[in-house]
C-alpha atoms as a PDB file:
ATOM      1  CA  MET A   1      -6.402  58.067 110.530  1.00  0.00           C
ATOM      2  CA  GLN A   2      -3.297  59.635 112.057  1.00  0.00           C
ATOM      3  CA  THR A   3      -1.277  62.278 110.218  1.00  0.00           C
ATOM      4  CA  ILE A   4       2.353  63.279 110.651  1.00  0.00           C
ATOM      5  CA  GLU A   5       1.199  66.717 111.797  1.00  0.00           C
ATOM      6  CA  ASN A   6      -1.146  65.489 114.512  1.00  0.00           C
ATOM      7  CA  ILE A   7       1.397  62.940 115.780  1.00  0.00           C
ATOM      8  CA  ASN A   8       4.067  65.656 115.937  1.00  0.00           C
ATOM      9  CA  GLN A   9       1.616  67.839 117.868  1.00  0.00           C
ATOM     10  CA  ILE A  10       1.033  65.032 120.388  1.00  0.00           C
ATOM     11  CA  LEU A  11       4.814  64.539 120.719  1.00  0.00           C
ATOM     12  CA  GLU A  12       5.215  68.255 121.472  1.00  0.00           C
ATOM     13  CA  GLN A  13       2.361  68.396 124.003  1.00  0.00           C
ATOM     14  CA  LYS A  14       2.821  65.155 125.939  1.00  0.00           C
ATOM     15  CA  GLU A  15       5.804  64.161 128.073  1.00  0.00           C
ATOM     16  CA  ALA A  16       5.464  60.432 127.374  1.00  0.00           C
ATOM     17  CA  VAL A  17       4.129  58.911 124.144  1.00  0.00           C
ATOM     18  CA  MET A  18       4.004  55.406 122.743  1.00  0.00           C
ATOM     19  CA  LEU A  19       3.515  55.090 118.986  1.00  0.00           C
ATOM     20  CA  TYR A  20       2.195  51.615 118.177  1.00  0.00           C
ATOM     21  CA  PHE A  21       2.516  50.704 114.491  1.00  0.00           C
ATOM     22  CA  SER A  22       0.434  47.726 113.421  1.00  0.00           C
ATOM     23  CA  SER A  23      -1.250  46.159 110.430  1.00  0.00           C
ATOM     24  CA  PRO A  24      -4.612  44.374 110.057  1.00  0.00           C
ATOM     25  CA  SER A  25      -2.830  41.289 108.708  1.00  0.00           C
ATOM     26  CA  CYS A  26      -0.451  41.089 111.699  1.00  0.00           C
ATOM     27  CA  SER A  27      -1.744  38.566 114.240  1.00  0.00           C
ATOM     28  CA  VAL A  28       1.019  39.422 116.738  1.00  0.00           C
ATOM     29  CA  CYS A  29      -0.069  43.079 116.592  1.00  0.00           C
ATOM     30  CA  HIS A  30      -3.608  42.236 117.660  1.00  0.00           C
ATOM     31  CA  VAL A  31      -2.467  40.106 120.604  1.00  0.00           C
ATOM     32  CA  LEU A  32       0.306  42.435 121.788  1.00  0.00           C
ATOM     33  CA  LYS A  33      -1.445  45.818 121.578  1.00  0.00           C
ATOM     34  CA  PRO A  34      -4.093  45.381 124.321  1.00  0.00           C
ATOM     35  CA  LYS A  35      -1.553  43.807 126.683  1.00  0.00           C
ATOM     36  CA  LEU A  36       0.986  46.555 126.075  1.00  0.00           C
ATOM     37  CA  GLU A  37      -1.621  49.327 126.420  1.00  0.00           C
ATOM     38  CA  ALA A  38      -2.846  47.855 129.721  1.00  0.00           C
ATOM     39  CA  ALA A  39       0.694  47.581 131.099  1.00  0.00           C
ATOM     40  CA  ILE A  40       1.530  51.159 130.065  1.00  0.00           C
ATOM     41  CA  LYS A  41      -1.655  52.548 131.656  1.00  0.00           C
ATOM     42  CA  GLU A  42      -1.089  50.514 134.821  1.00  0.00           C
ATOM     43  CA  ASN A  43       2.552  51.562 135.290  1.00  0.00           C
ATOM     44  CA  PHE A  44       2.869  55.010 133.721  1.00  0.00           C
ATOM     45  CA  ASP A  45       0.146  57.634 134.305  1.00  0.00           C
ATOM     46  CA  LEU A  46       1.329  60.242 131.812  1.00  0.00           C
ATOM     47  CA  PHE A  47       1.611  58.061 128.706  1.00  0.00           C
ATOM     48  CA  GLU A  48      -0.382  58.820 125.584  1.00  0.00           C
ATOM     49  CA  VAL A  49      -0.758  55.755 123.359  1.00  0.00           C
ATOM     50  CA  VAL A  50      -1.155  56.425 119.631  1.00  0.00           C
ATOM     51  CA  GLY A  51      -2.060  53.576 117.281  1.00  0.00           C
ATOM     52  CA  ILE A  52      -1.029  53.788 113.638  1.00  0.00           C
ATOM     53  CA  ASP A  53      -2.168  51.353 110.954  1.00  0.00           C
ATOM     54  CA  ILE A  54       0.756  51.070 108.525  1.00  0.00           C
ATOM     55  CA  SER A  55      -1.478  49.718 105.772  1.00  0.00           C
ATOM     56  CA  THR A  56      -3.487  52.966 105.605  1.00  0.00           C
ATOM     57  CA  SER A  57      -0.859  55.407 106.929  1.00  0.00           C
ATOM     58  CA  GLN A  58       2.149  54.473 104.828  1.00  0.00           C
ATOM     59  CA  GLU A  59       3.421  58.060 104.702  1.00  0.00           C
ATOM     60  CA  VAL A  60       3.356  58.271 108.519  1.00  0.00           C
ATOM     61  CA  ALA A  61       5.138  54.927 108.853  1.00  0.00           C
ATOM     62  CA  ALA A  62       7.834  55.980 106.378  1.00  0.00           C
ATOM     63  CA  HIS A  63       8.263  59.341 108.139  1.00  0.00           C
ATOM     64  CA  PHE A  64       9.030  57.506 111.397  1.00  0.00           C
ATOM     65  CA  GLY A  65      11.206  54.899 109.657  1.00  0.00           C
ATOM     66  CA  VAL A  66       8.818  52.021 110.340  1.00  0.00           C
ATOM     67  CA  PHE A  67       8.674  49.232 107.776  1.00  0.00           C
ATOM     68  CA  THR A  68       7.532  46.262 109.864  1.00  0.00           C
ATOM     69  CA  ALA A  69       4.740  45.494 112.286  1.00  0.00           C
ATOM     70  CA  PRO A  70       4.471  45.559 115.160  1.00  0.00           C
ATOM     71  CA  THR A  71       6.816  48.421 115.938  1.00  0.00           C
ATOM     72  CA  VAL A  72       6.724  50.426 119.153  1.00  0.00           C
ATOM     73  CA  ILE A  73       8.445  53.787 119.481  1.00  0.00           C
ATOM     74  CA  ILE A  74       8.591  55.373 122.926  1.00  0.00           C
ATOM     75  CA  TYR A  75       9.115  59.129 123.255  1.00  0.00           C
ATOM     76  CA  LEU A  76      10.090  60.704 126.571  1.00  0.00           C
ATOM     77  CA  GLY A  77      10.329  64.476 126.795  1.00  0.00           C
ATOM     78  CA  GLY A  78       9.777  64.813 123.041  1.00  0.00           C
ATOM     79  CA  ARG A  79      12.716  62.591 122.117  1.00  0.00           C
ATOM     80  CA  GLU A  80      12.770  59.051 120.833  1.00  0.00           C
ATOM     81  CA  PHE A  81      13.902  56.860 123.699  1.00  0.00           C
ATOM     82  CA  LEU A  82      13.117  53.295 122.668  1.00  0.00           C
ATOM     83  CA  ARG A  83      12.281  51.459 119.452  1.00  0.00           C
ATOM     84  CA  LYS A  84      11.223  47.818 119.331  1.00  0.00           C
ATOM     85  CA  SER A  85      10.077  45.800 116.348  1.00  0.00           C
ATOM     86  CA  ARG A  86       8.617  42.332 115.921  1.00  0.00           C
ATOM     87  CA  ASN A  87      10.011  40.317 118.833  1.00  0.00           C
ATOM     88  CA  MET A  88       9.296  42.082 122.103  1.00  0.00           C
ATOM     89  CA  SER A  89       7.636  41.264 125.367  1.00  0.00           C
ATOM     90  CA  VAL A  90       5.401  43.521 127.409  1.00  0.00           C
ATOM     91  CA  ASP A  91       7.638  43.078 130.465  1.00  0.00           C
ATOM     92  CA  GLU A  92      10.721  43.990 128.462  1.00  0.00           C
ATOM     93  CA  VAL A  93       9.178  47.252 127.222  1.00  0.00           C
ATOM     94  CA  VAL A  94       7.897  48.181 130.708  1.00  0.00           C
ATOM     95  CA  ARG A  95      11.275  47.388 132.279  1.00  0.00           C
ATOM     96  CA  GLU A  96      13.164  49.554 129.773  1.00  0.00           C
ATOM     97  CA  ILE A  97      10.820  52.516 130.280  1.00  0.00           C
ATOM     98  CA  ALA A  98      10.543  52.384 134.093  1.00  0.00           C
ATOM     99  CA  ARG A  99      13.770  54.054 135.233  1.00  0.00           C
ATOM    100  CA  PRO A 100      13.900  56.967 132.753  1.00  0.00           C
ATOM    101  CA  TYR A 101      10.169  57.577 133.227  1.00  0.00           C
ATOM    102  CA  GLU A 102      10.650  57.719 136.984  1.00  0.00           C
ATOM    103  CA  ILE A 103      13.522  60.192 136.623  1.00  0.00           C
ATOM    104  CA  MET A 104      11.542  62.323 134.169  1.00  0.00           C
ATOM    105  CA  THR A 105       8.457  62.528 136.379  1.00  0.00           C
ATOM    106  CA  SER A 106      10.144  63.031 139.754  1.00  0.00           C
END
């Protein structure tokens, strides 16, 4: 189980982080997560993907202002860059990350 402290430590140590908030009862979460993880790994070498179950980590979800699943929060250089909830496509997330990621890593 993830804690606020260990997530904050990851955000401080890694240049690019994706927080993926899901729930066991969310069917979209289970379909989207493996596709999104594969696309992130394929396109962005430096990304750390952190999965958070909002049903068991309610304090973590509240700390990050997440109240629905799935929610994806992308951090670049320690700052929140992108937040998507519910309706999102893998291509859309990859497209929105590509340019700033390229600038950050060049």
